[in-house]
PDB file of N, CA and C in Angstrom:
ATOM      1  N   MET A   1     107.098  57.972 104.124  1.00  0.00           N
ATOM      2  CA  MET A   1     106.683  58.940 102.681  1.00  0.00           C
ATOM      3  C   MET A   1     107.649  58.617 101.581  1.00  0.00           C
ATOM      4  N   THR A   2     108.733  58.824 102.102  1.00  0.00           N
ATOM      5  CA  THR A   2     109.906  58.445 101.318  1.00  0.00           C
ATOM      6  C   THR A   2     109.977  57.375 100.049  1.00  0.00           C
ATOM      7  N   GLY A   3     110.172  57.600  98.895  1.00  0.00           N
ATOM      8  CA  GLY A   3     109.878  56.811  98.039  1.00  0.00           C
ATOM      9  C   GLY A   3     108.868  56.547  97.070  1.00  0.00           C
ATOM     10  N   ASP A   4     107.847  57.179  97.446  1.00  0.00           N
ATOM     11  CA  ASP A   4     106.781  57.298  96.580  1.00  0.00           C
ATOM     12  C   ASP A   4     106.684  58.318  95.418  1.00  0.00           C
ATOM     13  N   ILE A   5     106.207  57.947  94.409  1.00  0.00           N
ATOM     14  CA  ILE A   5     106.320  58.526  93.264  1.00  0.00           C
ATOM     15  C   ILE A   5     104.892  59.026  93.047  1.00  0.00           C
ATOM     16  N   ILE A   6     104.638  60.755  93.051  1.00  0.00           N
ATOM     17  CA  ILE A   6     103.503  61.374  92.454  1.00  0.00           C
ATOM     18  C   ILE A   6     103.813  62.293  91.479  1.00  0.00           C
ATOM     19  N   PHE A   7     103.011  61.962  90.714  1.00  0.00           N
ATOM     20  CA  PHE A   7     102.859  62.951  89.350  1.00  0.00           C
ATOM     21  C   PHE A   7     102.146  64.090  89.406  1.00  0.00           C
ATOM     22  N   ARG A   8     102.690  65.297  88.962  1.00  0.00           N
ATOM     23  CA  ARG A   8     101.632  66.374  88.638  1.00  0.00           C
ATOM     24  C   ARG A   8     101.702  67.128  87.385  1.00  0.00           C
ATOM     25  N   PHE A   9     101.240  67.932  86.683  1.00  0.00           N
ATOM     26  CA  PHE A   9     101.117  68.598  85.540  1.00  0.00           C
ATOM     27  C   PHE A   9     101.428  69.878  86.001  1.00  0.00           C
ATOM     28  N   LEU A  10     102.186  70.353  85.097  1.00  0.00           N
ATOM     29  CA  LEU A  10     102.655  71.826  85.205  1.00  0.00           C
ATOM     30  C   LEU A  10     101.746  72.765  84.561  1.00  0.00           C
ATOM     31  N   GLY A  11     100.645  73.784  85.282  1.00  0.00           N
ATOM     32  CA  GLY A  11      99.648  74.643  84.452  1.00  0.00           C
ATOM     33  C   GLY A  11     100.041  75.469  83.580  1.00  0.00           C
ATOM     34  N   LYS A  12      99.556  76.076  82.814  1.00  0.00           N
ATOM     35  CA  LYS A  12      99.344  77.196  81.895  1.00  0.00           C
ATOM     36  C   LYS A  12     100.308  78.392  82.506  1.00  0.00           C
ATOM     37  N   TYR A  13     100.176  78.815  83.600  1.00  0.00           N
ATOM     38  CA  TYR A  13     101.185  80.041  84.433  1.00  0.00           C
ATOM     39  C   TYR A  13     102.164  79.318  84.970  1.00  0.00           C
ATOM     40  N   GLY A  14     102.583  77.874  84.917  1.00  0.00           N
ATOM     41  CA  GLY A  14     103.738  77.335  85.726  1.00  0.00           C
ATOM     42  C   GLY A  14     103.481  77.020  86.997  1.00  0.00           C
ATOM     43  N   LYS A  15     101.984  76.874  87.414  1.00  0.00           N
ATOM     44  CA  LYS A  15     101.675  76.402  88.919  1.00  0.00           C
ATOM     45  C   LYS A  15     101.431  74.951  88.851  1.00  0.00           C
ATOM     46  N   THR A  16     101.828  74.465  89.861  1.00  0.00           N
ATOM     47  CA  THR A  16     101.213  73.163  90.083  1.00  0.00           C
ATOM     48  C   THR A  16     100.713  72.779  91.619  1.00  0.00           C
ATOM     49  N   THR A  17     100.210  71.858  92.006  1.00  0.00           N
ATOM     50  CA  THR A  17      99.925  71.601  93.385  1.00  0.00           C
ATOM     51  C   THR A  17     100.744  70.514  94.188  1.00  0.00           C
ATOM     52  N   ILE A  18     101.268  70.747  95.100  1.00  0.00           N
ATOM     53  CA  ILE A  18     102.126  69.858  95.841  1.00  0.00           C
ATOM     54  C   ILE A  18     101.073  69.207  96.322  1.00  0.00           C
ATOM     55  N   PRO A  19     101.364  67.514  96.248  1.00  0.00           N
ATOM     56  CA  PRO A  19     100.216  66.559  96.647  1.00  0.00           C
ATOM     57  C   PRO A  19      99.744  66.813  98.285  1.00  0.00           C
ATOM     58  N   LYS A  20      98.841  66.429  98.463  1.00  0.00           N
ATOM     59  CA  LYS A  20      98.436  66.735  99.977  1.00  0.00           C
ATOM     60  C   LYS A  20      98.618  65.769 100.656  1.00  0.00           C
ATOM     61  N   LYS A  21      99.242  64.407 100.138  1.00  0.00           N
ATOM     62  CA  LYS A  21     100.059  63.485 101.246  1.00  0.00           C
ATOM     63  C   LYS A  21     101.298  64.160 101.506  1.00  0.00           C
ATOM     64  N   ILE A  22     101.974  64.627 100.476  1.00  0.00           N
ATOM     65  CA  ILE A  22     103.373  65.364 100.597  1.00  0.00           C
ATOM     66  C   ILE A  22     103.072  66.467 101.902  1.00  0.00           C
ATOM     67  N   ARG A  23     102.024  67.381 101.710  1.00  0.00           N
ATOM     68  CA  ARG A  23     101.965  68.704 102.458  1.00  0.00           C
ATOM     69  C   ARG A  23     101.790  68.163 103.966  1.00  0.00           C
ATOM     70  N   ASP A  24     100.936  67.146 103.933  1.00  0.00           N
ATOM     71  CA  ASP A  24     100.509  66.731 105.219  1.00  0.00           C
ATOM     72  C   ASP A  24     101.837  65.885 106.102  1.00  0.00           C
ATOM     73  N   SER A  25     102.527  65.158 105.244  1.00  0.00           N
ATOM     74  CA  SER A  25     103.696  64.492 105.496  1.00  0.00           C
ATOM     75  C   SER A  25     105.030  65.559 106.135  1.00  0.00           C
ATOM     76  N   LEU A  26     104.825  66.869 105.460  1.00  0.00           N
ATOM     77  CA  LEU A  26     105.735  67.577 105.931  1.00  0.00           C
ATOM     78  C   LEU A  26     105.254  68.756 106.776  1.00  0.00           C
ATOM     79  N   GLU A  27     104.050  68.583 106.971  1.00  0.00           N
ATOM     80  CA  GLU A  27     103.447  69.876 107.664  1.00  0.00           C
ATOM     81  C   GLU A  27     103.466  70.807 106.952  1.00  0.00           C
ATOM     82  N   LEU A  28     103.146  70.977 105.652  1.00  0.00           N
ATOM     83  CA  LEU A  28     103.121  72.342 105.120  1.00  0.00           C
ATOM     84  C   LEU A  28     101.877  73.180 105.267  1.00  0.00           C
ATOM     85  N   GLN A  29     102.111  74.537 105.040  1.00  0.00           N
ATOM     86  CA  GLN A  29     100.987  75.138 105.819  1.00  0.00           C
ATOM     87  C   GLN A  29     100.754  76.338 104.806  1.00  0.00           C
ATOM     88  N   ARG A  30      99.877  76.788 104.257  1.00  0.00           N
ATOM     89  CA  ARG A  30      99.440  77.941 103.787  1.00  0.00           C
ATOM     90  C   ARG A  30     100.421  79.020 104.478  1.00  0.00           C
ATOM     91  N   GLY A  31     101.010  79.750 103.191  1.00  0.00           N
ATOM     92  CA  GLY A  31     101.674  80.815 103.801  1.00  0.00           C
ATOM     93  C   GLY A  31     103.188  80.600 104.387  1.00  0.00           C
ATOM     94  N   ASP A  32     103.659  79.313 104.087  1.00  0.00           N
ATOM     95  CA  ASP A  32     104.933  78.814 104.223  1.00  0.00           C
ATOM     96  C   ASP A  32     105.712  79.505 102.921  1.00  0.00           C
ATOM     97  N   ILE A  33     107.200  79.636 103.480  1.00  0.00           N
ATOM     98  CA  ILE A  33     108.071  80.068 102.336  1.00  0.00           C
ATOM     99  C   ILE A  33     108.715  78.653 101.681  1.00  0.00           C
ATOM    100  N   LEU A  34     108.820  78.613 100.602  1.00  0.00           N
ATOM    101  CA  LEU A  34     109.435  77.551  99.788  1.00  0.00           C
ATOM    102  C   LEU A  34     110.587  78.097  99.032  1.00  0.00           C
ATOM    103  N   SER A  35     111.611  77.193  99.043  1.00  0.00           N
ATOM    104  CA  SER A  35     112.910  77.885  98.217  1.00  0.00           C
ATOM    105  C   SER A  35     113.037  76.784  96.915  1.00  0.00           C
ATOM    106  N   PHE A  36     113.425  76.828  95.901  1.00  0.00           N
ATOM    107  CA  PHE A  36     113.904  75.681  95.059  1.00  0.00           C
ATOM    108  C   PHE A  36     115.184  75.927  94.393  1.00  0.00           C
ATOM    109  N   GLU A  37     115.610  74.931  94.523  1.00  0.00           N
ATOM    110  CA  GLU A  37     117.118  74.738  93.898  1.00  0.00           C
ATOM    111  C   GLU A  37     117.321  73.839  92.749  1.00  0.00           C
ATOM    112  N   GLU A  38     117.684  74.255  91.727  1.00  0.00           N
ATOM    113  CA  GLU A  38     117.946  73.311  90.220  1.00  0.00           C
ATOM    114  C   GLU A  38     119.651  72.612  90.534  1.00  0.00           C
ATOM    115  N   LEU A  39     119.417  71.526  90.474  1.00  0.00           N
ATOM    116  CA  LEU A  39     120.739  70.666  90.324  1.00  0.00           C
ATOM    117  C   LEU A  39     121.200  70.328  88.859  1.00  0.00           C
ATOM    118  N   ASP A  40     121.946  69.834  88.435  1.00  0.00           N
ATOM    119  CA  ASP A  40     122.910  69.712  87.155  1.00  0.00           C
ATOM    120  C   ASP A  40     122.227  68.816  86.868  1.00  0.00           C
ATOM    121  N   ASP A  41     121.618  67.792  87.137  1.00  0.00           N
ATOM    122  CA  ASP A  41     120.859  66.392  86.449  1.00  0.00           C
ATOM    123  C   ASP A  41     119.288  66.800  86.411  1.00  0.00           C
ATOM    124  N   ASP A  42     118.887  67.875  86.123  1.00  0.00           N
ATOM    125  CA  ASP A  42     117.606  68.431  85.779  1.00  0.00           C
ATOM    126  C   ASP A  42     116.439  68.008  87.094  1.00  0.00           C
ATOM    127  N   SER A  43     117.212  67.874  88.257  1.00  0.00           N
ATOM    128  CA  SER A  43     116.584  67.490  89.481  1.00  0.00           C
ATOM    129  C   SER A  43     116.037  68.946  90.188  1.00  0.00           C
ATOM    130  N   ILE A  44     115.206  68.799  91.263  1.00  0.00           N
ATOM    131  CA  ILE A  44     115.017  70.422  91.997  1.00  0.00           C
ATOM    132  C   ILE A  44     114.720  69.619  93.201  1.00  0.00           C
ATOM    133  N   ILE A  45     115.371  70.456  94.000  1.00  0.00           N
ATOM    134  CA  ILE A  45     115.416  70.638  95.599  1.00  0.00           C
ATOM    135  C   ILE A  45     114.068  71.395  96.075  1.00  0.00           C
ATOM    136  N   ILE A  46     113.163  71.059  96.880  1.00  0.00           N
ATOM    137  CA  ILE A  46     112.073  72.427  97.510  1.00  0.00           C
ATOM    138  C   ILE A  46     112.441  72.005  98.773  1.00  0.00           C
ATOM    139  N   ARG A  47     112.593  73.321  99.372  1.00  0.00           N
ATOM    140  CA  ARG A  47     112.570  73.163 100.738  1.00  0.00           C
ATOM    141  C   ARG A  47     111.639  74.230 101.542  1.00  0.00           C
ATOM    142  N   ARG A  48     111.333  73.898 102.534  1.00  0.00           N
ATOM    143  CA  ARG A  48     110.606  74.699 103.391  1.00  0.00           C
ATOM    144  C   ARG A  48     111.509  75.973 104.183  1.00  0.00           C
ATOM    145  N   GLU A  49     111.563  77.159 103.881  1.00  0.00           N
ATOM    146  CA  GLU A  49     112.569  78.114 104.734  1.00  0.00           C
ATOM    147  C   GLU A  49     111.664  78.971 105.833  1.00  0.00           C
ATOM    148  N   SER A  50     112.803  79.702 106.478  1.00  0.00           N
ATOM    149  CA  SER A  50     112.172  80.217 107.883  1.00  0.00           C
ATOM    150  C   SER A  50     113.006  81.595 107.645  1.00  0.00           C
ATOM    151  N   ILE A  51     111.954  82.652 107.801  1.00  0.00           N
ATOM    152  CA  ILE A  51     112.821  84.152 107.757  1.00  0.00           C
ATOM    153  C   ILE A  51     113.614  84.102 108.952  1.00  0.00           C
ATOM    154  N   CYS A  52     113.177  83.718 110.082  1.00  0.00           N
ATOM    155  CA  CYS A  52     114.042  83.930 111.300  1.00  0.00           C
ATOM    156  C   CYS A  52     113.367  82.733 112.371  1.00  0.00           C
ATOM    157  N   ASN A  53     114.263  82.202 113.138  1.00  0.00           N
ATOM    158  CA  ASN A  53     114.026  81.196 113.932  1.00  0.00           C
ATOM    159  C   ASN A  53     113.091  81.698 115.326  1.00  0.00           C
ATOM    160  N   CYS A  54     113.252  83.021 115.396  1.00  0.00           N
ATOM    161  CA  CYS A  54     112.697  83.531 116.452  1.00  0.00           C
ATOM    162  C   CYS A  54     111.237  83.781 116.500  1.00  0.00           C
ATOM    163  N   ILE A  55     110.637  83.320 115.132  1.00  0.00           N
ATOM    164  CA  ILE A  55     109.035  83.748 114.884  1.00  0.00           C
ATOM    165  C   ILE A  55     108.714  82.250 114.630  1.00  0.00           C
ATOM    166  N   PRO A  56     107.606  81.350 115.764  1.00  0.00           N
ATOM    167  CA  PRO A  56     106.966  80.428 115.561  1.00  0.00           C
ATOM    168  C   PRO A  56     106.158  80.441 114.310  1.00  0.00           C
ATOM    169  N   ARG A  57     106.102  79.235 113.632  1.00  0.00           N
ATOM    170  CA  ARG A  57     105.283  78.755 112.621  1.00  0.00           C
ATOM    171  C   ARG A  57     103.617  79.205 112.885  1.00  0.00           C
ATOM    172  N   THR A  58     102.930  79.836 112.598  1.00  0.00           N
ATOM    173  CA  THR A  58     101.378  80.180 112.911  1.00  0.00           C
ATOM    174  C   THR A  58     100.474  80.082 111.613  1.00  0.00           C
ATOM    175  N   PRO A  59      99.675  79.346 111.674  1.00  0.00           N
ATOM    176  CA  PRO A  59      98.420  79.059 110.302  1.00  0.00           C
ATOM    177  C   PRO A  59      98.283  80.355 109.933  1.00  0.00           C
ATOM    178  N   PHE A  60      98.438  80.524 108.462  1.00  0.00           N
ATOM    179  CA  PHE A  60      98.016  81.622 107.703  1.00  0.00           C
ATOM    180  C   PHE A  60      96.835  82.005 108.134  1.00  0.00           C
ATOM    181  N   LYS A  61      96.544  83.054 108.415  1.00  0.00           N
ATOM    182  CA  LYS A  61      94.861  83.572 108.609  1.00  0.00           C
ATOM    183  C   LYS A  61      94.505  84.793 107.309  1.00  0.00           C
ATOM    184  N   GLU A  62      93.428  84.141 106.730  1.00  0.00           N
ATOM    185  CA  GLU A  62      92.978  85.160 105.843  1.00  0.00           C
ATOM    186  C   GLU A  62      92.298  86.143 106.318  1.00  0.00           C
ATOM    187  N   LYS A  63      92.510  87.516 105.819  1.00  0.00           N
ATOM    188  CA  LYS A  63      92.027  88.704 106.405  1.00  0.00           C
ATOM    189  C   LYS A  63      90.687  88.863 105.429  1.00  0.00           C
ATOM    190  N   LYS A  64      89.276  88.718 106.258  1.00  0.00           N
ATOM    191  CA  LYS A  64      88.301  89.045 105.740  1.00  0.00           C
ATOM    192  C   LYS A  64      88.050  90.323 105.157  1.00  0.00           C
ATOM    193  N   GLU A  65      87.930  90.888 103.887  1.00  0.00           N
ATOM    194  CA  GLU A  65      87.614  92.110 103.559  1.00  0.00           C
ATOM    195  C   GLU A  65      86.258  92.441 103.044  1.00  0.00           C
ATOM    196  N   THR A  66      85.861  93.482 103.312  1.00  0.00           N
ATOM    197  CA  THR A  66      84.598  93.524 102.413  1.00  0.00           C
ATOM    198  C   THR A  66      84.795  94.335 101.443  1.00  0.00           C
ATOM    199  N   LEU A  67      83.808  94.274 100.296  1.00  0.00           N
ATOM    200  CA  LEU A  67      83.914  95.209  99.198  1.00  0.00           C
ATOM    201  C   LEU A  67      84.424  96.683  99.428  1.00  0.00           C
ATOM    202  N   LEU A  68      83.291  97.399 100.434  1.00  0.00           N
ATOM    203  CA  LEU A  68      83.556  98.450 101.086  1.00  0.00           C
ATOM    204  C   LEU A  68      85.041  98.831 101.187  1.00  0.00           C
ATOM    205  N   ASP A  69      85.543  98.092 102.310  1.00  0.00           N
ATOM    206  CA  ASP A  69      87.017  98.086 102.433  1.00  0.00           C
ATOM    207  C   ASP A  69      88.058  98.114 101.382  1.00  0.00           C
ATOM    208  N   PHE A  70      87.790  97.152 100.380  1.00  0.00           N
ATOM    209  CA  PHE A  70      88.736  97.252  99.210  1.00  0.00           C
ATOM    210  C   PHE A  70      88.509  98.645  98.405  1.00  0.00           C
ATOM    211  N   LEU A  71      87.110  98.881  98.235  1.00  0.00           N
ATOM    212  CA  LEU A  71      86.943 100.278  97.670  1.00  0.00           C
ATOM    213  C   LEU A  71      87.699 101.336  98.258  1.00  0.00           C
ATOM    214  N   ASN A  72      87.554 101.469  99.534  1.00  0.00           N
ATOM    215  CA  ASN A  72      88.172 102.618  99.922  1.00  0.00           C
ATOM    216  C   ASN A  72      89.454 102.563 100.210  1.00  0.00           C
ATOM    217  N   SER A  73      90.155 101.471  99.945  1.00  0.00           N
ATOM    218  CA  SER A  73      91.666 101.295  99.735  1.00  0.00           C
ATOM    219  C   SER A  73      92.090 101.676  98.612  1.00  0.00           C
ATOM    220  N   LEU A  74      91.060 101.878  97.622  1.00  0.00           N
ATOM    221  CA  LEU A  74      91.897 102.448  96.186  1.00  0.00           C
ATOM    222  C   LEU A  74      92.095 104.064  96.211  1.00  0.00           C
ATOM    223  N   SER A  75      92.954 104.491  95.214  1.00  0.00           N
ATOM    224  CA  SER A  75      93.415 105.692  95.134  1.00  0.00           C
ATOM    225  C   SER A  75      92.176 106.609  94.220  1.00  0.00           C
ATOM    226  N   SER A  76      91.953 107.596  94.039  1.00  0.00           N
ATOM    227  CA  SER A  76      90.934 108.281  93.384  1.00  0.00           C
ATOM    228  C   SER A  76      91.217 108.025  91.786  1.00  0.00           C
ATOM    229  N   GLU A  77      92.067 107.615  91.492  1.00  0.00           N
ATOM    230  CA  GLU A  77      92.286 107.537  90.210  1.00  0.00           C
ATOM    231  C   GLU A  77      91.704 105.931  89.952  1.00  0.00           C
ATOM    232  N   GLN A  78      92.129 105.005  90.433  1.00  0.00           N
ATOM    233  CA  GLN A  78      91.414 103.775  90.747  1.00  0.00           C
ATOM    234  C   GLN A  78      90.280 103.559  90.989  1.00  0.00           C
ATOM    235  N   LYS A  79      89.718 104.359  91.749  1.00  0.00           N
ATOM    236  CA  LYS A  79      88.018 104.385  92.002  1.00  0.00           C
ATOM    237  C   LYS A  79      87.358 104.690  90.711  1.00  0.00           C
ATOM    238  N   ALA A  80      88.029 105.828  89.948  1.00  0.00           N
ATOM    239  CA  ALA A  80      87.370 106.434  88.573  1.00  0.00           C
ATOM    240  C   ALA A  80      87.452 105.334  87.730  1.00  0.00           C
ATOM    241  N   ALA A  81      88.492 104.588  87.504  1.00  0.00           N
ATOM    242  CA  ALA A  81      88.737 103.429  86.742  1.00  0.00           C
ATOM    243  C   ALA A  81      87.816 102.288  86.792  1.00  0.00           C
ATOM    244  N   ALA A  82      87.580 102.123  88.019  1.00  0.00           N
ATOM    245  CA  ALA A  82      86.757 101.031  88.511  1.00  0.00           C
ATOM    246  C   ALA A  82      85.344 101.283  88.068  1.00  0.00           C
ATOM    247  N   LEU A  83      84.805 102.543  88.483  1.00  0.00           N
ATOM    248  CA  LEU A  83      83.331 103.255  88.226  1.00  0.00           C
ATOM    249  C   LEU A  83      83.322 102.856  86.512  1.00  0.00           C
ATOM    250  N   VAL A  84      84.186 103.441  85.840  1.00  0.00           N
ATOM    251  CA  VAL A  84      84.055 103.481  84.015  1.00  0.00           C
ATOM    252  C   VAL A  84      83.735 101.787  83.993  1.00  0.00           C
ATOM    253  N   HIS A  85      84.769 100.870  84.740  1.00  0.00           N
ATOM    254  CA  HIS A  85      84.730  99.585  84.081  1.00  0.00           C
ATOM    255  C   HIS A  85      83.526  99.230  84.434  1.00  0.00           C
ATOM    256  N   LEU A  86      83.054  99.126  85.713  1.00  0.00           N
ATOM    257  CA  LEU A  86      81.711  98.580  86.017  1.00  0.00           C
ATOM    258  C   LEU A  86      80.572  99.066  85.435  1.00  0.00           C
ATOM    259  N   SER A  87      80.450 100.472  84.973  1.00  0.00           N
ATOM    260  CA  SER A  87      79.330 100.977  84.303  1.00  0.00           C
ATOM    261  C   SER A  87      79.368 100.428  82.949  1.00  0.00           C
ATOM    262  N   MET A  88      80.426 100.453  82.278  1.00  0.00           N
ATOM    263  CA  MET A  88      80.295  99.598  81.008  1.00  0.00           C
ATOM    264  C   MET A  88      79.978  98.166  80.942  1.00  0.00           C
ATOM    265  N   GLN A  89      80.480  97.660  82.093  1.00  0.00           N
ATOM    266  CA  GLN A  89      80.107  96.135  82.063  1.00  0.00           C
ATOM    267  C   GLN A  89      78.291  96.071  82.290  1.00  0.00           C
ATOM    268  N   VAL A  90      77.893  96.889  83.041  1.00  0.00           N
ATOM    269  CA  VAL A  90      76.397  97.115  83.245  1.00  0.00           C
ATOM    270  C   VAL A  90      75.725  97.556  82.057  1.00  0.00           C
ATOM    271  N   ALA A  91      76.267  98.466  81.447  1.00  0.00           N
ATOM    272  CA  ALA A  91      75.589  98.710  80.005  1.00  0.00           C
ATOM    273  C   ALA A  91      75.604  97.674  79.138  1.00  0.00           C
ATOM    274  N   ASN A  92      76.832  97.134  78.970  1.00  0.00           N
ATOM    275  CA  ASN A  92      76.684  95.683  78.081  1.00  0.00           C
ATOM    276  C   ASN A  92      75.758  94.681  78.437  1.00  0.00           C
ATOM    277  N   GLN A  93      75.604  94.494  79.738  1.00  0.00           N
ATOM    278  CA  GLN A  93      74.757  93.563  80.104  1.00  0.00           C
ATOM    279  C   GLN A  93      73.292  93.939  79.892  1.00  0.00           C
ATOM    280  N   GLN A  94      73.133  95.129  79.994  1.00  0.00           N
ATOM    281  CA  GLN A  94      71.524  95.699  79.710  1.00  0.00           C
ATOM    282  C   GLN A  94      71.338  95.867  78.456  1.00  0.00           C
ATOM    283  N   GLY A  95      72.066  96.003  77.539  1.00  0.00           N
ATOM    284  CA  GLY A  95      72.202  95.988  76.141  1.00  0.00           C
ATOM    285  C   GLY A  95      72.058  94.629  75.540  1.00  0.00           C
ATOM    286  N   SER A  96      72.427  93.448  76.100  1.00  0.00           N
ATOM    287  CA  SER A  96      72.333  92.127  75.597  1.00  0.00           C
ATOM    288  C   SER A  96      71.142  91.786  75.986  1.00  0.00           C
ATOM    289  N   ASN A  97      70.505  92.120  77.304  1.00  0.00           N
ATOM    290  CA  ASN A  97      69.183  91.639  77.812  1.00  0.00           C
ATOM    291  C   ASN A  97      68.016  92.052  76.881  1.00  0.00           C
ATOM    292  N   GLU A  98      68.294  93.524  76.448  1.00  0.00           N
ATOM    293  CA  GLU A  98      67.139  94.303  75.432  1.00  0.00           C
ATOM    294  C   GLU A  98      67.233  93.181  74.457  1.00  0.00           C
ATOM    295  N   ASN A  99      68.334  92.823  74.055  1.00  0.00           N
ATOM    296  CA  ASN A  99      68.363  92.294  72.604  1.00  0.00           C
ATOM    297  C   ASN A  99      67.578  91.110  72.598  1.00  0.00           C
ATOM    298  N   VAL A 100      67.698  90.255  73.811  1.00  0.00           N
ATOM    299  CA  VAL A 100      67.055  88.847  74.119  1.00  0.00           C
ATOM    300  C   VAL A 100      65.593  89.239  73.953  1.00  0.00           C
ATOM    301  N   ASN A 101      65.037  90.301  74.379  1.00  0.00           N
ATOM    302  CA  ASN A 101      63.825  90.405  74.405  1.00  0.00           C
ATOM    303  C   ASN A 101      63.050  90.856  73.419  1.00  0.00           C
ATOM    304  N   ILE A 102      63.970  91.291  72.029  1.00  0.00           N
ATOM    305  CA  ILE A 102      62.926  91.793  71.085  1.00  0.00           C
ATOM    306  C   ILE A 102      62.356  90.612  70.236  1.00  0.00           C
TER     307      ILE A 102
END
């Protein structure tokens, strides 16, 4: 892999994608910790880090959360704000549908 040059654009929010060829070569996985070191010559070194050598690397497992689980995790204030937000969205959608039918 050494010596290959792959270009990527930096996105709107400063995000970019590490090319698959590099992720595969370095065995990077979702959930890995990366560090960025800026050098004096405008170069950047990116390293995979480990919090502790005693914890083996395991693939990142995404938790499947239902909408009900999410809503139940909210505080009373957050639930009220979500209800108001969703009610206004529904009202706006119904209003725009009525205008189309006229």
